[in-house]
């Protein structure tokens, strides 16, 4: 179990949450975990807050829809097979059963792990 501070609150980051390829902060810099043995030294890493910048880096496209009630923003990642992975304006899954998660995505490694679990593909920075 590893602790970090975010917005004045101590956050717990479990080594069991991490996989090879996850992005974390290592000494304040975003780094991708290259080896399983690096997960063992996760005490030096911190989770990266999930932001619009990160979902755009992962290849999501931002859409704005205007309705009478206001503007709706969604983020869509098109897969090669025609399926889509859709996030709301709060960066939470919108479609199907995954929209009913018991927890909210807060960190980059969480969306990477969820995406892998659903697609068996890595979610990595594009470009």
C-alpha atoms as a PDB file:
ATOM      1  CA  UNK A   1       0.000   0.000   0.000  1.00  0.00           C
ATOM      2  CA  UNK A   2       1.364   3.409  -0.962  1.00  0.00           C
ATOM      3  CA  UNK A   3       0.193   6.846   0.058  1.00  0.00           C
ATOM      4  CA  UNK A   4       0.171  10.142  -1.798  1.00  0.00           C
ATOM      5  CA  UNK A   5      -1.503  13.469  -1.136  1.00  0.00           C
ATOM      6  CA  UNK A   6      -4.042  15.001  -3.513  1.00  0.00           C
ATOM      7  CA  UNK A   7      -6.059  18.135  -2.750  1.00  0.00           C
ATOM      8  CA  UNK A   8      -4.963  17.932   0.870  1.00  0.00           C
ATOM      9  CA  UNK A   9      -6.204  14.354   1.268  1.00  0.00           C
ATOM     10  CA  UNK A  10      -4.024  11.303   1.534  1.00  0.00           C
ATOM     11  CA  UNK A  11      -4.736   8.866  -1.308  1.00  0.00           C
ATOM     12  CA  UNK A  12      -3.933   5.168  -1.118  1.00  0.00           C
ATOM     13  CA  UNK A  13      -2.373   3.558  -4.177  1.00  0.00           C
ATOM     14  CA  UNK A  14      -2.162  -0.225  -4.052  1.00  0.00           C
ATOM     15  CA  UNK A  15       0.618  -2.014  -5.931  1.00  0.00           C
ATOM     16  CA  UNK A  16      -2.072  -4.514  -6.992  1.00  0.00           C
ATOM     17  CA  UNK A  17      -3.729  -1.710  -8.994  1.00  0.00           C
ATOM     18  CA  UNK A  18      -0.698  -1.385 -11.247  1.00  0.00           C
ATOM     19  CA  UNK A  19       0.216  -3.206 -14.434  1.00  0.00           C
ATOM     20  CA  UNK A  20       3.134  -3.014 -16.827  1.00  0.00           C
ATOM     21  CA  UNK A  21       2.369  -0.101 -19.153  1.00  0.00           C
ATOM     22  CA  UNK A  22       0.477   1.994 -16.591  1.00  0.00           C
ATOM     23  CA  UNK A  23       1.377   5.665 -16.394  1.00  0.00           C
ATOM     24  CA  UNK A  24       2.276   7.009 -12.939  1.00  0.00           C
ATOM     25  CA  UNK A  25       4.226   9.945 -11.575  1.00  0.00           C
ATOM     26  CA  UNK A  26       7.787   8.950 -10.777  1.00  0.00           C
ATOM     27  CA  UNK A  27       9.542  11.730  -8.876  1.00  0.00           C
ATOM     28  CA  UNK A  28       6.945  14.157 -10.260  1.00  0.00           C
ATOM     29  CA  UNK A  29       7.269  13.103 -13.918  1.00  0.00           C
ATOM     30  CA  UNK A  30       4.798  10.970 -15.893  1.00  0.00           C
ATOM     31  CA  UNK A  31       6.423   7.618 -16.643  1.00  0.00           C
ATOM     32  CA  UNK A  32       5.175   4.326 -18.014  1.00  0.00           C
ATOM     33  CA  UNK A  33       5.900   1.257 -15.882  1.00  0.00           C
ATOM     34  CA  UNK A  34       8.237  -0.805 -18.114  1.00  0.00           C
ATOM     35  CA  UNK A  35       8.792  -3.948 -15.995  1.00  0.00           C
ATOM     36  CA  UNK A  36       6.916  -5.943 -13.393  1.00  0.00           C
ATOM     37  CA  UNK A  37       9.773  -5.438 -10.953  1.00  0.00           C
ATOM     38  CA  UNK A  38       9.114  -1.667 -11.094  1.00  0.00           C
ATOM     39  CA  UNK A  39       5.681  -2.248  -9.580  1.00  0.00           C
ATOM     40  CA  UNK A  40       7.457  -3.505  -6.450  1.00  0.00           C
ATOM     41  CA  UNK A  41       9.005  -0.036  -6.064  1.00  0.00           C
ATOM     42  CA  UNK A  42       5.671   1.707  -6.487  1.00  0.00           C
ATOM     43  CA  UNK A  43       6.289   3.510  -3.208  1.00  0.00           C
ATOM     44  CA  UNK A  44       8.184   6.101  -5.213  1.00  0.00           C
ATOM     45  CA  UNK A  45       5.285   6.552  -7.636  1.00  0.00           C
ATOM     46  CA  UNK A  46       2.086   8.544  -7.389  1.00  0.00           C
ATOM     47  CA  UNK A  47      -1.139   8.183  -9.365  1.00  0.00           C
ATOM     48  CA  UNK A  48      -1.774  10.690 -12.154  1.00  0.00           C
ATOM     49  CA  UNK A  49      -5.096  12.510 -11.919  1.00  0.00           C
ATOM     50  CA  UNK A  50      -7.312  11.687 -14.914  1.00  0.00           C
ATOM     51  CA  UNK A  51      -7.894  14.888 -16.898  1.00  0.00           C
ATOM     52  CA  UNK A  52      -9.198  15.903 -20.303  1.00  0.00           C
ATOM     53  CA  UNK A  53      -5.586  16.299 -21.463  1.00  0.00           C
ATOM     54  CA  UNK A  54      -4.889  12.632 -20.662  1.00  0.00           C
ATOM     55  CA  UNK A  55      -7.967  11.250 -22.437  1.00  0.00           C
ATOM     56  CA  UNK A  56      -7.075  13.343 -25.510  1.00  0.00           C
ATOM     57  CA  UNK A  57      -3.497  11.960 -25.352  1.00  0.00           C
ATOM     58  CA  UNK A  58      -5.003   8.459 -25.327  1.00  0.00           C
ATOM     59  CA  UNK A  59      -6.790   9.235 -28.601  1.00  0.00           C
ATOM     60  CA  UNK A  60     -10.271  10.139 -27.372  1.00  0.00           C
ATOM     61  CA  UNK A  61     -12.074  12.735 -29.477  1.00  0.00           C
ATOM     62  CA  UNK A  62     -14.049  15.474 -27.724  1.00  0.00           C
ATOM     63  CA  UNK A  63     -17.630  16.100 -28.880  1.00  0.00           C
ATOM     64  CA  UNK A  64     -19.982  18.888 -27.839  1.00  0.00           C
ATOM     65  CA  UNK A  65     -23.724  18.606 -28.321  1.00  0.00           C
ATOM     66  CA  UNK A  66     -25.978  21.600 -27.774  1.00  0.00           C
ATOM     67  CA  UNK A  67     -29.429  21.029 -26.317  1.00  0.00           C
ATOM     68  CA  UNK A  68     -32.060  23.324 -24.835  1.00  0.00           C
ATOM     69  CA  UNK A  69     -30.867  22.249 -21.380  1.00  0.00           C
ATOM     70  CA  UNK A  70     -27.265  23.151 -22.193  1.00  0.00           C
ATOM     71  CA  UNK A  71     -24.163  21.643 -23.708  1.00  0.00           C
ATOM     72  CA  UNK A  72     -23.237  17.974 -23.316  1.00  0.00           C
ATOM     73  CA  UNK A  73     -19.598  17.007 -23.699  1.00  0.00           C
ATOM     74  CA  UNK A  74     -18.496  13.451 -24.392  1.00  0.00           C
ATOM     75  CA  UNK A  75     -15.161  11.827 -25.203  1.00  0.00           C
ATOM     76  CA  UNK A  76     -15.161   8.964 -27.700  1.00  0.00           C
ATOM     77  CA  UNK A  77     -12.426   6.500 -28.575  1.00  0.00           C
ATOM     78  CA  UNK A  78     -13.216   4.653 -31.813  1.00  0.00           C
ATOM     79  CA  UNK A  79     -11.935   1.111 -31.969  1.00  0.00           C
ATOM     80  CA  UNK A  80     -10.921  -0.603 -35.200  1.00  0.00           C
ATOM     81  CA  UNK A  81     -13.863  -3.013 -34.907  1.00  0.00           C
ATOM     82  CA  UNK A  82     -16.362  -0.130 -34.917  1.00  0.00           C
ATOM     83  CA  UNK A  83     -17.072  -0.200 -31.185  1.00  0.00           C
ATOM     84  CA  UNK A  84     -16.665   2.914 -29.093  1.00  0.00           C
ATOM     85  CA  UNK A  85     -15.424   3.596 -25.584  1.00  0.00           C
ATOM     86  CA  UNK A  86     -17.385   6.655 -24.382  1.00  0.00           C
ATOM     87  CA  UNK A  87     -16.714   8.923 -21.403  1.00  0.00           C
ATOM     88  CA  UNK A  88     -18.941  11.658 -19.983  1.00  0.00           C
ATOM     89  CA  UNK A  89     -17.841  15.222 -19.301  1.00  0.00           C
ATOM     90  CA  UNK A  90     -16.767  14.000 -15.839  1.00  0.00           C
ATOM     91  CA  UNK A  91     -14.543  11.386 -17.548  1.00  0.00           C
ATOM     92  CA  UNK A  92     -16.699   8.474 -16.407  1.00  0.00           C
ATOM     93  CA  UNK A  93     -17.832   5.572 -18.639  1.00  0.00           C
ATOM     94  CA  UNK A  94     -21.247   6.162 -20.201  1.00  0.00           C
ATOM     95  CA  UNK A  95     -22.207   2.980 -22.002  1.00  0.00           C
ATOM     96  CA  UNK A  96     -23.722  -0.266 -20.834  1.00  0.00           C
ATOM     97  CA  UNK A  97     -22.749  -2.117 -17.715  1.00  0.00           C
ATOM     98  CA  UNK A  98     -19.480  -0.253 -17.219  1.00  0.00           C
ATOM     99  CA  UNK A  99     -21.470   2.920 -16.557  1.00  0.00           C
ATOM    100  CA  UNK A 100     -22.578   1.257 -13.313  1.00  0.00           C
ATOM    101  CA  UNK A 101     -19.103   0.935 -11.780  1.00  0.00           C
ATOM    102  CA  UNK A 102     -19.049   0.965  -8.008  1.00  0.00           C
ATOM    103  CA  UNK A 103     -16.204   3.459  -8.039  1.00  0.00           C
ATOM    104  CA  UNK A 104     -15.351   6.558 -10.040  1.00  0.00           C
ATOM    105  CA  UNK A 105     -12.327   6.748 -12.274  1.00  0.00           C
ATOM    106  CA  UNK A 106      -9.921   9.240 -10.754  1.00  0.00           C
ATOM    107  CA  UNK A 107      -6.529   8.239 -12.094  1.00  0.00           C
ATOM    108  CA  UNK A 108      -4.879   7.456 -15.406  1.00  0.00           C
ATOM    109  CA  UNK A 109      -3.903   3.913 -14.408  1.00  0.00           C
ATOM    110  CA  UNK A 110      -7.545   3.137 -13.557  1.00  0.00           C
ATOM    111  CA  UNK A 111      -8.831   3.980 -17.039  1.00  0.00           C
ATOM    112  CA  UNK A 112      -5.924   2.036 -18.547  1.00  0.00           C
ATOM    113  CA  UNK A 113      -6.809  -1.026 -16.478  1.00  0.00           C
ATOM    114  CA  UNK A 114     -10.540  -0.780 -17.237  1.00  0.00           C
ATOM    115  CA  UNK A 115      -9.886  -0.380 -20.961  1.00  0.00           C
ATOM    116  CA  UNK A 116      -7.568  -3.407 -20.965  1.00  0.00           C
ATOM    117  CA  UNK A 117     -10.080  -5.507 -19.031  1.00  0.00           C
ATOM    118  CA  UNK A 118     -12.806  -4.705 -21.568  1.00  0.00           C
ATOM    119  CA  UNK A 119     -10.811  -4.848 -24.803  1.00  0.00           C
ATOM    120  CA  UNK A 120      -7.644  -6.867 -24.115  1.00  0.00           C
ATOM    121  CA  UNK A 121      -5.757  -3.918 -25.663  1.00  0.00           C
ATOM    122  CA  UNK A 122      -3.440  -1.409 -24.022  1.00  0.00           C
ATOM    123  CA  UNK A 123      -4.535   2.221 -23.732  1.00  0.00           C
ATOM    124  CA  UNK A 124      -1.400   4.209 -24.502  1.00  0.00           C
ATOM    125  CA  UNK A 125      -0.487   7.745 -25.491  1.00  0.00           C
ATOM    126  CA  UNK A 126      -0.993   8.285 -29.227  1.00  0.00           C
ATOM    127  CA  UNK A 127       1.557   9.954 -31.441  1.00  0.00           C
END
